[in-house]
Protein backbone atom coordinates (compact mmCIF):
# COMPACT_ATOMS: atom_id res chain seq x y z
CA MET A 1 -0.11 -0.01 0.14
CA ALA A 2 1.29 3.40 -0.89
CA ASN A 3 2.00 6.15 1.70
CA ASP A 4 2.18 9.70 1.45
CA ASN A 5 6.12 9.81 2.07
CA GLN A 6 6.82 7.85 -1.23
CA PHE A 7 5.54 10.75 -3.12
CA LYS A 8 7.61 13.64 -1.53
CA THR A 9 10.29 13.87 -4.17
CA LYS A 10 11.17 17.35 -5.46
CA THR A 11 12.72 15.96 -8.42
CA ALA A 12 11.24 17.38 -11.72
CA PHE A 13 10.72 14.96 -14.53
CA VAL A 14 11.00 15.61 -18.14
CA ALA A 15 9.70 12.84 -20.79
CA THR A 16 11.00 13.44 -24.25
CA ARG A 17 10.50 11.44 -27.44
CA GLY A 18 13.49 10.64 -29.81
CA VAL A 19 17.21 11.89 -29.39
CA ARG A 20 16.32 15.11 -31.03
CA GLU A 21 14.01 16.27 -28.21
CA TYR A 22 16.30 14.76 -25.64
CA ARG A 23 19.06 17.12 -26.81
CA ALA A 24 16.75 19.94 -27.45
CA THR A 25 16.28 20.04 -23.53
CA ILE A 26 19.76 20.87 -22.70
CA PRO A 27 19.92 24.60 -23.06
CA HIS A 28 16.54 24.93 -21.32
CA VAL A 29 17.20 22.42 -18.33
CA VAL A 30 20.79 22.30 -17.71
CA ARG A 31 22.59 25.33 -15.79
CA PRO A 32 26.12 26.46 -15.67
CA ASP A 33 26.38 25.05 -12.07
CA ASP A 34 25.12 21.57 -12.52
CA SER A 35 26.85 18.27 -12.12
CA VAL A 36 25.11 16.02 -14.73
CA LEU A 37 25.06 12.31 -14.85
CA GLU A 38 24.09 10.85 -18.09
CA VAL A 39 22.92 7.20 -17.94
CA GLY A 40 22.92 5.38 -21.25
CA CYS A 41 25.51 7.74 -23.01
CA GLU A 42 26.32 5.09 -26.09
CA TRP A 43 28.93 7.16 -28.05
CA GLY A 44 28.98 10.14 -25.76
CA THR A 45 27.29 12.64 -28.28
CA THR A 46 24.74 13.95 -25.58
CA THR A 47 27.29 13.79 -22.83
CA ALA A 48 29.64 16.22 -24.84
CA LEU A 49 26.72 18.46 -25.57
CA LEU A 50 25.86 18.43 -21.75
CA ALA A 51 29.55 19.21 -21.08
CA ARG A 52 29.06 22.64 -22.91
CA HIS A 53 26.39 23.81 -20.46
CA ALA A 54 27.29 22.16 -17.13
CA ARG A 55 29.87 22.67 -14.55
CA SER A 56 30.75 19.08 -14.79
CA VAL A 57 29.13 15.75 -16.37
CA LEU A 58 29.78 12.01 -16.39
CA GLY A 59 28.55 9.82 -19.17
CA THR A 60 28.08 6.26 -18.23
CA ASP A 61 26.78 3.09 -20.16
CA VAL A 62 26.73 -0.64 -19.34
CA SER A 63 28.57 -1.29 -22.74
CA ARG A 64 32.47 -1.08 -22.40
CA GLU A 65 32.58 -1.06 -26.20
CA CYS A 66 30.47 1.92 -26.34
CA LEU A 67 32.52 3.69 -23.66
CA ALA A 68 35.78 2.96 -25.58
CA ARG A 69 34.22 4.46 -28.70
CA ALA A 70 32.86 7.42 -26.63
CA ARG A 71 36.46 8.04 -25.02
CA GLU A 72 37.94 7.96 -28.49
CA ILE A 73 35.50 10.39 -29.99
CA HIS A 74 35.32 12.74 -26.93
CA PRO A 75 38.98 12.50 -25.10
CA ASP A 76 38.05 15.48 -22.98
CA VAL A 77 34.75 14.10 -21.53
CA GLU A 78 34.53 11.64 -18.67
CA PHE A 79 33.08 8.35 -19.15
CA ARG A 80 32.56 5.22 -16.85
CA PRO A 81 30.87 1.85 -17.02
CA LEU A 82 27.70 1.68 -15.13
CA ASP A 83 24.65 -0.50 -14.99
CA ALA A 84 21.61 1.85 -14.72
CA PHE A 85 19.79 -0.29 -12.24
CA ASP A 86 22.84 -0.54 -9.86
CA LEU A 87 22.14 2.30 -7.68
CA ARG A 88 24.88 1.18 -5.11
CA ALA A 89 27.27 1.87 -8.03
CA VAL A 90 25.83 5.38 -8.68
CA LEU A 91 26.40 6.31 -4.75
CA ASP A 92 29.78 4.75 -5.02
CA LEU A 93 30.57 7.51 -7.54
CA GLY A 94 30.85 9.78 -4.61
CA ARG A 95 29.23 12.75 -6.39
CA GLN A 96 26.09 14.83 -6.01
CA PHE A 97 24.36 15.23 -9.26
CA THR A 98 21.93 18.00 -9.70
CA ALA A 99 20.68 16.92 -13.17
CA VAL A 100 20.32 13.32 -14.54
CA TYR A 101 19.65 12.56 -18.20
CA MET A 102 18.55 8.80 -19.02
CA ASP A 103 18.56 7.30 -22.74
CA LEU A 104 17.68 3.70 -21.81
CA SER A 105 16.44 2.30 -25.21
CA GLY A 106 15.26 -0.94 -23.73
CA LEU A 107 12.89 0.85 -21.60
CA SER A 108 11.51 3.39 -24.05
CA GLY A 109 8.31 1.42 -25.12
CA TYR A 110 5.26 0.68 -23.15
CA ARG A 111 6.40 -2.90 -22.09
CA GLY A 112 9.23 -1.22 -19.96
CA LEU A 113 7.15 1.57 -18.62
CA LEU A 114 6.71 0.04 -15.31
CA ASP A 115 10.39 -0.54 -14.82
CA LEU A 116 11.32 2.87 -16.11
CA VAL A 117 8.86 4.63 -13.58
CA ALA A 118 10.49 2.52 -10.69
CA LEU A 119 13.76 3.37 -11.86
CA LEU A 120 13.06 7.23 -12.14
CA ASN A 121 11.53 7.07 -8.70
CA ALA A 122 14.56 5.31 -7.27
CA TYR A 123 17.03 7.78 -8.92
CA ALA A 124 14.78 10.66 -7.53
CA ALA A 125 14.87 9.09 -3.86
CA VAL A 126 18.51 7.85 -3.78
CA VAL A 127 20.54 10.55 -6.08
CA ALA A 128 17.94 13.37 -5.37
CA PRO A 129 18.65 15.42 -8.56
CA ARG A 130 16.70 18.79 -9.39
CA VAL A 131 15.55 17.17 -12.70
CA ILE A 132 15.63 14.05 -14.40
CA VAL A 133 15.34 14.08 -18.20
CA VAL A 134 14.39 10.65 -19.72
CA LYS A 135 14.30 9.77 -23.35
CA SER A 136 11.13 7.55 -23.69
CA GLY A 137 8.34 7.90 -26.17
CA GLY A 138 6.16 5.78 -23.99
CA LEU A 139 6.56 7.60 -20.91
CA LYS A 140 6.08 10.94 -22.82
CA HIS A 141 2.81 9.59 -24.24
CA PHE A 142 1.46 8.29 -21.11
CA ALA A 143 2.46 11.66 -19.31
CA THR A 144 0.53 13.81 -21.92
CA ARG A 145 -2.58 11.62 -21.15
CA CYS A 146 -2.15 12.01 -17.32
CA ARG A 147 -3.44 14.94 -15.21
CA ALA A 148 -3.74 14.95 -11.41
CA TRP A 149 -7.09 14.84 -9.98
CA SER A 150 -8.24 17.38 -7.27
CA ALA A 151 -12.05 17.53 -6.61
CA GLY A 152 -13.47 21.14 -6.90
CA GLU A 153 -10.63 22.35 -9.05
CA PRO A 154 -11.40 24.38 -12.05
CA GLY A 155 -11.94 21.88 -14.88
CA ALA A 156 -11.97 18.79 -12.65
CA ASP A 157 -15.45 18.04 -13.96
CA GLU A 158 -14.35 18.54 -17.76
CA VAL A 159 -12.51 15.16 -18.05
CA ASP A 160 -13.65 13.37 -21.27
CA ARG A 161 -16.12 10.66 -20.13
CA ALA A 162 -16.10 9.00 -23.48
């Protein structure tokens, strides 16, 4: 059973669809004093873009082959191996991240939506960043169809009943 304490995160979530939207958020979301963690950096292209806008950035991926390529292409950017689901490893990095970018292609559809939401909540609780930007078409579509209910609020009785 849920309790009120599990929904007290101050982290904002931004869902994007596709790499173009994911990257377009950078100048609008990332602040010059941010320390950014990118989870699922693949070849580091977005990580390098993040580095232009933040104080510090760390690109991570589960694939050591991708990380080798990322280091080759972007030698001035820091990359490390990391399994997105290993929160102990994230804490062991010993850094406070103010923004997290997540590009987890395997969780971008509806089948991975519950796993993705659980992962986002875990990062919000454990890492406690100001914002998490996630590339997930499934999550973005779901979020656009959601609205928070509040009885008596203007428009509350306008929900389409069809």
